[in-house]
Protein backbone atom coordinates (compact mmCIF):
# COMPACT_ATOMS: atom_id res chain seq x y z
CA MET A 1 -91.75 -35.66 -20.86
CA PRO A 2 -92.96 -33.14 -22.40
CA GLN A 3 -93.63 -30.52 -19.98
CA CYS A 4 -97.20 -28.59 -20.00
CA PRO A 5 -97.59 -25.66 -21.42
CA LYS A 6 -99.60 -23.73 -18.72
CA CYS A 7 -98.52 -24.71 -14.73
CA SER A 8 -94.38 -26.66 -16.62
CA GLY A 9 -96.10 -29.45 -14.65
CA GLN A 10 -95.01 -32.80 -16.98
CA LEU A 11 -97.52 -34.49 -19.24
CA HIS A 12 -98.05 -38.00 -18.43
CA GLU A 13 -98.85 -40.41 -21.59
CA LEU A 14 -102.59 -41.27 -20.66
CA ASP A 15 -104.08 -43.68 -23.48
CA THR A 16 -108.06 -43.37 -23.56
CA HIS A 17 -111.04 -46.10 -24.22
CA GLU A 18 -110.89 -44.39 -28.00
CA ALA A 19 -107.32 -45.93 -28.53
CA VAL A 20 -105.90 -42.01 -28.47
CA SER A 21 -102.90 -41.70 -26.71
CA MET A 22 -103.16 -38.36 -24.82
CA ASP A 23 -100.86 -36.06 -22.54
CA PHE A 24 -102.17 -35.48 -19.47
CA CYS A 25 -101.25 -32.60 -16.38
CA SER A 26 -101.41 -33.85 -13.33
CA GLY A 27 -101.03 -30.60 -12.09
CA CYS A 28 -102.93 -27.77 -13.76
CA LYS A 29 -105.45 -31.10 -15.19
CA GLY A 30 -104.60 -29.54 -18.50
CA ILE A 31 -104.09 -31.96 -21.39
CA TRP A 32 -102.39 -31.61 -24.88
CA PHE A 33 -103.09 -34.14 -27.99
CA ASP A 34 -101.20 -33.69 -31.13
CA ALA A 35 -102.77 -34.03 -34.65
CA GLY A 36 -105.17 -35.68 -35.05
CA GLU A 37 -105.75 -36.73 -32.34
CA ALA A 38 -108.45 -34.30 -31.07
CA ALA A 39 -110.71 -35.51 -34.26
CA ALA A 40 -110.40 -39.37 -32.86
CA TYR A 41 -111.17 -38.57 -29.17
CA PHE A 42 -114.33 -36.27 -30.07
CA GLU A 43 -114.93 -38.47 -33.19
CA MET A 44 -114.67 -35.44 -35.35
CA ALA A 45 -113.39 -35.50 -38.92
CA GLU A 46 -110.76 -32.66 -38.70
CA ASP A 47 -109.51 -31.66 -34.99
CA LEU A 48 -110.73 -27.59 -34.92
CA PRO A 49 -113.57 -28.02 -37.27
CA GLU A 50 -113.60 -24.46 -38.47
CA LEU A 51 -109.66 -23.66 -38.73
CA LYS A 52 -109.52 -21.67 -40.94
CA THR A 53 -112.17 -19.15 -39.34
CA ALA A 54 -109.84 -20.18 -35.82
CA LEU A 55 -107.25 -19.19 -37.36
CA GLN A 56 -108.47 -15.71 -39.15
CA THR A 57 -109.07 -14.27 -34.96
CA ALA A 58 -106.50 -16.28 -33.33
CA LEU A 59 -104.05 -14.37 -30.90
CA PRO A 60 -100.67 -15.03 -29.88
CA THR A 61 -99.68 -16.36 -26.55
CA ASP A 62 -97.02 -17.19 -24.25
CA PHE A 63 -97.73 -20.85 -24.18
CA SER A 64 -94.87 -22.96 -25.69
CA CYS A 65 -95.72 -25.75 -27.25
CA PRO A 66 -94.48 -28.72 -25.78
CA LYS A 67 -94.20 -31.08 -29.17
CA CYS A 68 -92.24 -28.03 -31.12
CA GLN A 69 -91.68 -25.55 -28.70
CA ASN A 70 -93.65 -22.87 -31.50
CA LEU A 71 -95.74 -20.72 -29.28
CA LEU A 72 -99.54 -21.66 -29.23
CA LEU A 73 -101.59 -19.55 -30.65
CA GLU A 74 -106.05 -19.13 -28.99
CA VAL A 75 -108.16 -19.96 -30.77
CA ARG A 76 -111.67 -20.85 -31.27
CA PHE A 77 -112.95 -24.42 -31.42
CA HIS A 78 -116.02 -23.75 -32.73
CA SER A 79 -118.36 -20.47 -34.04
CA GLY A 80 -120.56 -21.27 -31.93
CA ALA A 81 -119.41 -22.27 -28.45
CA ASP A 82 -116.62 -19.07 -26.02
CA VAL A 83 -114.73 -22.64 -26.06
CA MET A 84 -110.52 -20.67 -26.48
CA LEU A 85 -107.95 -23.82 -27.08
CA ASP A 86 -104.30 -23.41 -27.39
CA TYR A 87 -103.70 -24.51 -31.06
CA CYS A 88 -99.63 -25.09 -32.75
CA GLN A 89 -100.14 -23.71 -36.21
CA ALA A 90 -96.18 -25.48 -36.08
CA CYS A 91 -97.35 -29.46 -35.66
CA GLY A 92 -101.24 -29.09 -34.59
CA GLY A 93 -101.45 -29.61 -31.85
CA LEU A 94 -103.78 -28.56 -29.68
CA PHE A 95 -104.17 -27.70 -25.41
CA PHE A 96 -107.53 -27.68 -23.56
CA ASP A 97 -107.46 -26.25 -20.12
CA ARG A 98 -109.43 -28.24 -17.19
CA GLY A 99 -113.15 -27.83 -17.58
CA GLU A 100 -112.84 -27.64 -21.67
CA VAL A 101 -113.08 -31.16 -22.76
CA PRO A 102 -116.36 -32.14 -21.80
CA VAL A 103 -117.74 -28.47 -23.18
CA VAL A 104 -116.66 -29.61 -26.59
CA GLU A 105 -117.44 -33.16 -26.47
CA GLN A 106 -121.02 -31.61 -26.23
CA ILE A 107 -120.65 -29.05 -29.11
CA ALA A 108 -119.02 -32.21 -31.14
CA GLY A 109 -121.88 -34.07 -30.39
CA ARG A 110 -124.07 -31.18 -31.30
CA LEU A 111 -122.45 -30.96 -34.81
CA GLU A 112 -124.85 -31.35 -38.16
CA SER A 113 -122.44 -31.55 -41.26
CA PRO A 114 -121.46 -34.52 -42.99
CA GLN A 115 -118.31 -33.93 -42.88
CA SER A 116 -117.54 -33.39 -38.79
CA LYS A 117 -118.03 -37.28 -38.20
CA VAL A 118 -116.21 -39.79 -39.18
């Protein structure tokens, strides 16, 4: 069972009504999405709508990816929002701290670009 990158607790697989299997940390209440799962969950074309821009301003972290153990990068989810997520450039996974999923849901719902919706 993978470990949470933030609190080292165990990540537990949780199936959602969107048919996405995400990993939930019962310790810090964070959520790990494997590559493609965030896009499916939030009904977007990509996990990070502005990946290229996000990577230009990414900051290194000391947190390890629960899937491949590479260090995560802190990236801005979208240029119009203050939400910072932890991203694994190696496997494409994303870690959401407690409370970030509802904020990203609101942002994803407002994205107007045709390629942002599946």
